Amino acid sequence: MKICDKADADAQIEYYKQIENLRLKQEAAREKLKELKDETEDAWEDLKAGVESAWGSLGEAVKSAISQFK
């Protein structure tokens, strides 16, 4: 195996790890949105904060993934 082949394989492994991380964050955001839909008005502020946090985490993960593959 050549060095460049190993580097390509390592980059591909990292790429798939980042994709899985993004999927997990997306699922967490989706769950928060589902909770939001199912909750009453009284819990709106708590859920709003949770959704905003999940959305922010997803955005940061996307930025991180993009920066690693530039």
PDB file of N, CA and C in Angstrom:
ATOM      1  N   MET A   1       0.849  -1.177   0.000  1.00  0.00           N
ATOM      2  CA  MET A   1       0.000   0.000   0.000  1.00  0.00           C
ATOM      3  C   MET A   1       0.896   1.242   0.000  1.00  0.00           C
ATOM      4  N   LYS A   2       0.630   2.116  -0.937  1.00  0.00           N
ATOM      5  CA  LYS A   2       1.396   3.360  -1.026  1.00  0.00           C
ATOM      6  C   LYS A   2       0.934   4.335   0.054  1.00  0.00           C
ATOM      7  N   ILE A   3       1.802   5.282   0.346  1.00  0.00           N
ATOM      8  CA  ILE A   3       1.474   6.296   1.357  1.00  0.00           C
ATOM      9  C   ILE A   3       0.233   7.073   0.956  1.00  0.00           C
ATOM     10  N   CYS A   4       0.119   7.442  -0.317  1.00  0.00           N
ATOM     11  CA  CYS A   4      -1.043   8.230  -0.745  1.00  0.00           C
ATOM     12  C   CYS A   4      -2.325   7.399  -0.652  1.00  0.00           C
ATOM     13  N   ASP A   5      -2.211   6.067  -0.888  1.00  0.00           N
ATOM     14  CA  ASP A   5      -3.391   5.212  -0.731  1.00  0.00           C
ATOM     15  C   ASP A   5      -3.845   5.189   0.725  1.00  0.00           C
ATOM     16  N   LYS A   6      -2.883   5.120   1.645  1.00  0.00           N
ATOM     17  CA  LYS A   6      -3.224   5.121   3.069  1.00  0.00           C
ATOM     18  C   LYS A   6      -3.843   6.460   3.469  1.00  0.00           C
ATOM     19  N   ALA A   7      -3.275   7.541   2.957  1.00  0.00           N
ATOM     20  CA  ALA A   7      -3.825   8.868   3.268  1.00  0.00           C
ATOM     21  C   ALA A   7      -5.246   8.974   2.753  1.00  0.00           C
ATOM     22  N   ASP A   8      -5.483   8.481   1.534  1.00  0.00           N
ATOM     23  CA  ASP A   8      -6.841   8.500   0.976  1.00  0.00           C
ATOM     24  C   ASP A   8      -7.782   7.649   1.823  1.00  0.00           C
ATOM     25  N   ALA A   9      -7.324   6.493   2.258  1.00  0.00           N
ATOM     26  CA  ALA A   9      -8.151   5.610   3.087  1.00  0.00           C
ATOM     27  C   ALA A   9      -8.444   6.273   4.433  1.00  0.00           C
ATOM     28  N   ASP A  10      -7.452   6.917   5.026  1.00  0.00           N
ATOM     29  CA  ASP A  10      -7.650   7.613   6.300  1.00  0.00           C
ATOM     30  C   ASP A  10      -8.646   8.763   6.136  1.00  0.00           C
ATOM     31  N   ALA A  11      -8.522   9.494   5.039  1.00  0.00           N
ATOM     32  CA  ALA A  11      -9.449  10.601   4.780  1.00  0.00           C
ATOM     33  C   ALA A  11     -10.866  10.072   4.590  1.00  0.00           C
ATOM     34  N   GLN A  12     -10.993   8.959   3.914  1.00  0.00           N
ATOM     35  CA  GLN A  12     -12.319   8.380   3.696  1.00  0.00           C
ATOM     36  C   GLN A  12     -12.926   7.914   5.020  1.00  0.00           C
ATOM     37  N   ILE A  13     -12.125   7.310   5.871  1.00  0.00           N
ATOM     38  CA  ILE A  13     -12.607   6.884   7.189  1.00  0.00           C
ATOM     39  C   ILE A  13     -13.078   8.092   7.983  1.00  0.00           C
ATOM     40  N   GLU A  14     -12.282   9.158   7.976  1.00  0.00           N
ATOM     41  CA  GLU A  14     -12.655  10.381   8.696  1.00  0.00           C
ATOM     42  C   GLU A  14     -13.934  10.981   8.110  1.00  0.00           C
ATOM     43  N   TYR A  15     -14.048  10.959   6.800  1.00  0.00           N
ATOM     44  CA  TYR A  15     -15.246  11.456   6.121  1.00  0.00           C
ATOM     45  C   TYR A  15     -16.484  10.711   6.623  1.00  0.00           C
ATOM     46  N   TYR A  16     -16.409   9.382   6.646  1.00  0.00           N
ATOM     47  CA  TYR A  16     -17.558   8.597   7.092  1.00  0.00           C
ATOM     48  C   TYR A  16     -17.863   8.811   8.579  1.00  0.00           C
ATOM     49  N   LYS A  17     -16.846   9.033   9.387  1.00  0.00           N
ATOM     50  CA  LYS A  17     -17.068   9.357  10.800  1.00  0.00           C
ATOM     51  C   LYS A  17     -17.817  10.677  10.927  1.00  0.00           C
ATOM     52  N   GLN A  18     -17.405  11.658  10.126  1.00  0.00           N
ATOM     53  CA  GLN A  18     -18.073  12.960  10.158  1.00  0.00           C
ATOM     54  C   GLN A  18     -19.526  12.842   9.687  1.00  0.00           C
ATOM     55  N   ILE A  19     -19.756  12.055   8.657  1.00  0.00           N
ATOM     56  CA  ILE A  19     -21.121  11.847   8.158  1.00  0.00           C
ATOM     57  C   ILE A  19     -21.981  11.207   9.249  1.00  0.00           C
ATOM     58  N   GLU A  20     -21.455  10.217   9.933  1.00  0.00           N
ATOM     59  CA  GLU A  20     -22.209   9.571  11.010  1.00  0.00           C
ATOM     60  C   GLU A  20     -22.496  10.560  12.134  1.00  0.00           C
ATOM     61  N   ASN A  21     -21.523  11.380  12.476  1.00  0.00           N
ATOM     62  CA  ASN A  21     -21.714  12.403  13.504  1.00  0.00           C
ATOM     63  C   ASN A  21     -22.829  13.369  13.086  1.00  0.00           C
ATOM     64  N   LEU A  22     -22.827  13.775  11.828  1.00  0.00           N
ATOM     65  CA  LEU A  22     -23.876  14.668  11.329  1.00  0.00           C
ATOM     66  C   LEU A  22     -25.243  13.993  11.385  1.00  0.00           C
ATOM     67  N   ARG A  23     -25.294  12.719  11.057  1.00  0.00           N
ATOM     68  CA  ARG A  23     -26.568  11.994  11.125  1.00  0.00           C
ATOM     69  C   ARG A  23     -27.100  11.928  12.554  1.00  0.00           C
ATOM     70  N   LEU A  24     -26.214  11.704  13.501  1.00  0.00           N
ATOM     71  CA  LEU A  24     -26.629  11.667  14.907  1.00  0.00           C
ATOM     72  C   LEU A  24     -27.166  13.025  15.357  1.00  0.00           C
ATOM     73  N   LYS A  25     -26.486  14.087  14.957  1.00  0.00           N
ATOM     74  CA  LYS A  25     -26.942  15.437  15.320  1.00  0.00           C
ATOM     75  C   LYS A  25     -28.275  15.753  14.649  1.00  0.00           C
ATOM     76  N   GLN A  26     -28.422  15.316  13.394  1.00  0.00           N
ATOM     77  CA  GLN A  26     -29.675  15.536  12.674  1.00  0.00           C
ATOM     78  C   GLN A  26     -30.817  14.800  13.369  1.00  0.00           C
ATOM     79  N   GLU A  27     -30.562  13.585  13.785  1.00  0.00           N
ATOM     80  CA  GLU A  27     -31.595  12.803  14.469  1.00  0.00           C
ATOM     81  C   GLU A  27     -31.978  13.452  15.797  1.00  0.00           C
ATOM     82  N   ALA A  28     -30.991  13.968  16.522  1.00  0.00           N
ATOM     83  CA  ALA A  28     -31.281  14.660  17.786  1.00  0.00           C
ATOM     84  C   ALA A  28     -32.151  15.885  17.532  1.00  0.00           C
ATOM     85  N   ALA A  29     -31.832  16.631  16.481  1.00  0.00           N
ATOM     86  CA  ALA A  29     -32.638  17.802  16.141  1.00  0.00           C
ATOM     87  C   ALA A  29     -34.047  17.383  15.742  1.00  0.00           C
ATOM     88  N   ARG A  30     -34.152  16.308  14.987  1.00  0.00           N
ATOM     89  CA  ARG A  30     -35.465  15.803  14.569  1.00  0.00           C
ATOM     90  C   ARG A  30     -36.301  15.393  15.780  1.00  0.00           C
ATOM     91  N   GLU A  31     -35.673  14.734  16.748  1.00  0.00           N
ATOM     92  CA  GLU A  31     -36.389  14.320  17.955  1.00  0.00           C
ATOM     93  C   GLU A  31     -36.886  15.531  18.748  1.00  0.00           C
ATOM     94  N   LYS A  32     -36.044  16.548  18.852  1.00  0.00           N
ATOM     95  CA  LYS A  32     -36.460  17.755  19.566  1.00  0.00           C
ATOM     96  C   LYS A  32     -37.645  18.412  18.860  1.00  0.00           C
ATOM     97  N   LEU A  33     -37.619  18.445  17.538  1.00  0.00           N
ATOM     98  CA  LEU A  33     -38.738  19.024  16.800  1.00  0.00           C
ATOM     99  C   LEU A  33     -40.011  18.210  16.997  1.00  0.00           C
ATOM    100  N   LYS A  34     -39.870  16.895  17.062  1.00  0.00           N
ATOM    101  CA  LYS A  34     -41.039  16.039  17.312  1.00  0.00           C
ATOM    102  C   LYS A  34     -41.605  16.322  18.704  1.00  0.00           C
ATOM    103  N   GLU A  35     -40.715  16.444  19.691  1.00  0.00           N
ATOM    104  CA  GLU A  35     -41.157  16.775  21.044  1.00  0.00           C
ATOM    105  C   GLU A  35     -41.882  18.117  21.045  1.00  0.00           C
ATOM    106  N   LEU A  36     -41.316  19.050  20.328  1.00  0.00           N
ATOM    107  CA  LEU A  36     -41.911  20.381  20.247  1.00  0.00           C
ATOM    108  C   LEU A  36     -43.331  20.301  19.683  1.00  0.00           C
ATOM    109  N   LYS A  37     -43.494  19.526  18.667  1.00  0.00           N
ATOM    110  CA  LYS A  37     -44.810  19.363  18.047  1.00  0.00           C
ATOM    111  C   LYS A  37     -45.804  18.746  19.025  1.00  0.00           C
ATOM    112  N   ASP A  38     -45.331  17.821  19.839  1.00  0.00           N
ATOM    113  CA  ASP A  38     -46.203  17.079  20.743  1.00  0.00           C
ATOM    114  C   ASP A  38     -46.479  17.796  22.076  1.00  0.00           C
ATOM    115  N   GLU A  39     -45.704  18.795  22.393  1.00  0.00           N
ATOM    116  CA  GLU A  39     -45.834  19.450  23.695  1.00  0.00           C
ATOM    117  C   GLU A  39     -46.916  20.537  23.701  1.00  0.00           C
ATOM    118  N   THR A  40     -47.287  20.936  24.886  1.00  0.00           N
ATOM    119  CA  THR A  40     -48.269  22.001  25.068  1.00  0.00           C
ATOM    120  C   THR A  40     -47.578  23.351  25.097  1.00  0.00           C
ATOM    121  N   GLU A  41     -48.355  24.383  25.111  1.00  0.00           N
ATOM    122  CA  GLU A  41     -47.841  25.752  25.161  1.00  0.00           C
ATOM    123  C   GLU A  41     -46.964  25.996  26.381  1.00  0.00           C
ATOM    124  N   ASP A  42     -47.287  25.373  27.500  1.00  0.00           N
ATOM    125  CA  ASP A  42     -46.545  25.609  28.747  1.00  0.00           C
ATOM    126  C   ASP A  42     -45.071  25.225  28.634  1.00  0.00           C
ATOM    127  N   ALA A  43     -44.782  24.224  27.852  1.00  0.00           N
ATOM    128  CA  ALA A  43     -43.408  23.739  27.749  1.00  0.00           C
ATOM    129  C   ALA A  43     -42.654  24.370  26.582  1.00  0.00           C
ATOM    130  N   TRP A  44     -43.271  25.315  25.905  1.00  0.00           N
ATOM    131  CA  TRP A  44     -42.688  25.907  24.702  1.00  0.00           C
ATOM    132  C   TRP A  44     -41.280  26.452  24.930  1.00  0.00           C
ATOM    133  N   GLU A  45     -41.067  27.231  25.963  1.00  0.00           N
ATOM    134  CA  GLU A  45     -39.760  27.859  26.180  1.00  0.00           C
ATOM    135  C   GLU A  45     -38.659  26.833  26.428  1.00  0.00           C
ATOM    136  N   ASP A  46     -38.953  25.803  27.217  1.00  0.00           N
ATOM    137  CA  ASP A  46     -37.955  24.756  27.470  1.00  0.00           C
ATOM    138  C   ASP A  46     -37.594  24.031  26.182  1.00  0.00           C
ATOM    139  N   LEU A  47     -38.603  23.675  25.436  1.00  0.00           N
ATOM    140  CA  LEU A  47     -38.348  22.963  24.189  1.00  0.00           C
ATOM    141  C   LEU A  47     -37.678  23.858  23.156  1.00  0.00           C
ATOM    142  N   LYS A  48     -38.053  25.108  23.133  1.00  0.00           N
ATOM    143  CA  LYS A  48     -37.444  26.054  22.204  1.00  0.00           C
ATOM    144  C   LYS A  48     -35.934  26.122  22.447  1.00  0.00           C
ATOM    145  N   ALA A  49     -35.548  26.208  23.709  1.00  0.00           N
ATOM    146  CA  ALA A  49     -34.121  26.244  24.050  1.00  0.00           C
ATOM    147  C   ALA A  49     -33.422  24.961  23.616  1.00  0.00           C
ATOM    148  N   GLY A  50     -34.066  23.823  23.827  1.00  0.00           N
ATOM    149  CA  GLY A  50     -33.481  22.547  23.425  1.00  0.00           C
ATOM    150  C   GLY A  50     -33.323  22.432  21.921  1.00  0.00           C
ATOM    151  N   VAL A  51     -34.330  22.876  21.188  1.00  0.00           N
ATOM    152  CA  VAL A  51     -34.272  22.836  19.727  1.00  0.00           C
ATOM    153  C   VAL A  51     -33.178  23.769  19.218  1.00  0.00           C
ATOM    154  N   GLU A  52     -33.098  24.955  19.793  1.00  0.00           N
ATOM    155  CA  GLU A  52     -32.060  25.893  19.382  1.00  0.00           C
ATOM    156  C   GLU A  52     -30.669  25.320  19.641  1.00  0.00           C
ATOM    157  N   SER A  53     -30.508  24.646  20.751  1.00  0.00           N
ATOM    158  CA  SER A  53     -29.226  24.027  21.078  1.00  0.00           C
ATOM    159  C   SER A  53     -28.892  22.906  20.091  1.00  0.00           C
ATOM    160  N   ALA A  54     -29.874  22.053  19.794  1.00  0.00           N
ATOM    161  CA  ALA A  54     -29.657  20.951  18.853  1.00  0.00           C
ATOM    162  C   ALA A  54     -29.334  21.497  17.466  1.00  0.00           C
ATOM    163  N   TRP A  55     -30.038  22.546  17.050  1.00  0.00           N
ATOM    164  CA  TRP A  55     -29.805  23.148  15.741  1.00  0.00           C
ATOM    165  C   TRP A  55     -28.405  23.762  15.692  1.00  0.00           C
ATOM    166  N   GLY A  56     -28.005  24.411  16.769  1.00  0.00           N
ATOM    167  CA  GLY A  56     -26.666  24.986  16.833  1.00  0.00           C
ATOM    168  C   GLY A  56     -25.588  23.919  16.775  1.00  0.00           C
ATOM    169  N   SER A  57     -25.794  22.812  17.467  1.00  0.00           N
ATOM    170  CA  SER A  57     -24.832  21.705  17.443  1.00  0.00           C
ATOM    171  C   SER A  57     -24.712  21.124  16.042  1.00  0.00           C
ATOM    172  N   LEU A  58     -25.841  20.972  15.368  1.00  0.00           N
ATOM    173  CA  LEU A  58     -25.827  20.448  14.006  1.00  0.00           C
ATOM    174  C   LEU A  58     -25.063  21.401  13.092  1.00  0.00           C
ATOM    175  N   GLY A  59     -25.315  22.688  13.232  1.00  0.00           N
ATOM    176  CA  GLY A  59     -24.611  23.670  12.405  1.00  0.00           C
ATOM    177  C   GLY A  59     -23.115  23.653  12.634  1.00  0.00           C
ATOM    178  N   GLU A  60     -22.703  23.561  13.890  1.00  0.00           N
ATOM    179  CA  GLU A  60     -21.277  23.502  14.205  1.00  0.00           C
ATOM    180  C   GLU A  60     -20.638  22.227  13.656  1.00  0.00           C
ATOM    181  N   ALA A  61     -21.355  21.113  13.732  1.00  0.00           N
ATOM    182  CA  ALA A  61     -20.823  19.854  13.201  1.00  0.00           C
ATOM    183  C   ALA A  61     -20.649  19.942  11.690  1.00  0.00           C
ATOM    184  N   VAL A  62     -21.584  20.566  11.006  1.00  0.00           N
ATOM    185  CA  VAL A  62     -21.477  20.735   9.557  1.00  0.00           C
ATOM    186  C   VAL A  62     -20.263  21.605   9.231  1.00  0.00           C
ATOM    187  N   LYS A  63     -20.102  22.718   9.935  1.00  0.00           N
ATOM    188  CA  LYS A  63     -18.963  23.596   9.704  1.00  0.00           C
ATOM    189  C   LYS A  63     -17.645  22.856   9.940  1.00  0.00           C
ATOM    190  N   SER A  64     -17.598  22.066  11.002  1.00  0.00           N
ATOM    191  CA  SER A  64     -16.393  21.310  11.320  1.00  0.00           C
ATOM    192  C   SER A  64     -16.080  20.296  10.225  1.00  0.00           C
ATOM    193  N   ALA A  65     -17.104  19.595   9.770  1.00  0.00           N
ATOM    194  CA  ALA A  65     -16.903  18.597   8.718  1.00  0.00           C
ATOM    195  C   ALA A  65     -16.407  19.266   7.432  1.00  0.00           C
ATOM    196  N   ILE A  66     -16.997  20.391   7.088  1.00  0.00           N
ATOM    197  CA  ILE A  66     -16.593  21.091   5.873  1.00  0.00           C
ATOM    198  C   ILE A  66     -15.150  21.559   5.971  1.00  0.00           C
ATOM    199  N   SER A  67     -14.770  22.104   7.119  1.00  0.00           N
ATOM    200  CA  SER A  67     -13.425  22.629   7.281  1.00  0.00           C
ATOM    201  C   SER A  67     -12.365  21.531   7.198  1.00  0.00           C
ATOM    202  N   GLN A  68     -12.720  20.324   7.600  1.00  0.00           N
ATOM    203  CA  GLN A  68     -11.753  19.223   7.567  1.00  0.00           C
ATOM    204  C   GLN A  68     -11.504  18.707   6.157  1.00  0.00           C
ATOM    205  N   PHE A  69     -12.420  18.988   5.236  1.00  0.00           N
ATOM    206  CA  PHE A  69     -12.280  18.434   3.891  1.00  0.00           C
ATOM    207  C   PHE A  69     -12.043  19.499   2.830  1.00  0.00           C
ATOM    208  N   LYS A  70     -11.614  20.672   3.251  1.00  0.00           N
ATOM    209  CA  LYS A  70     -11.266  21.728   2.285  1.00  0.00           C
ATOM    210  C   LYS A  70      -9.870  21.529   1.801  1.00  0.00           C
TER     211      LYS A  70
END
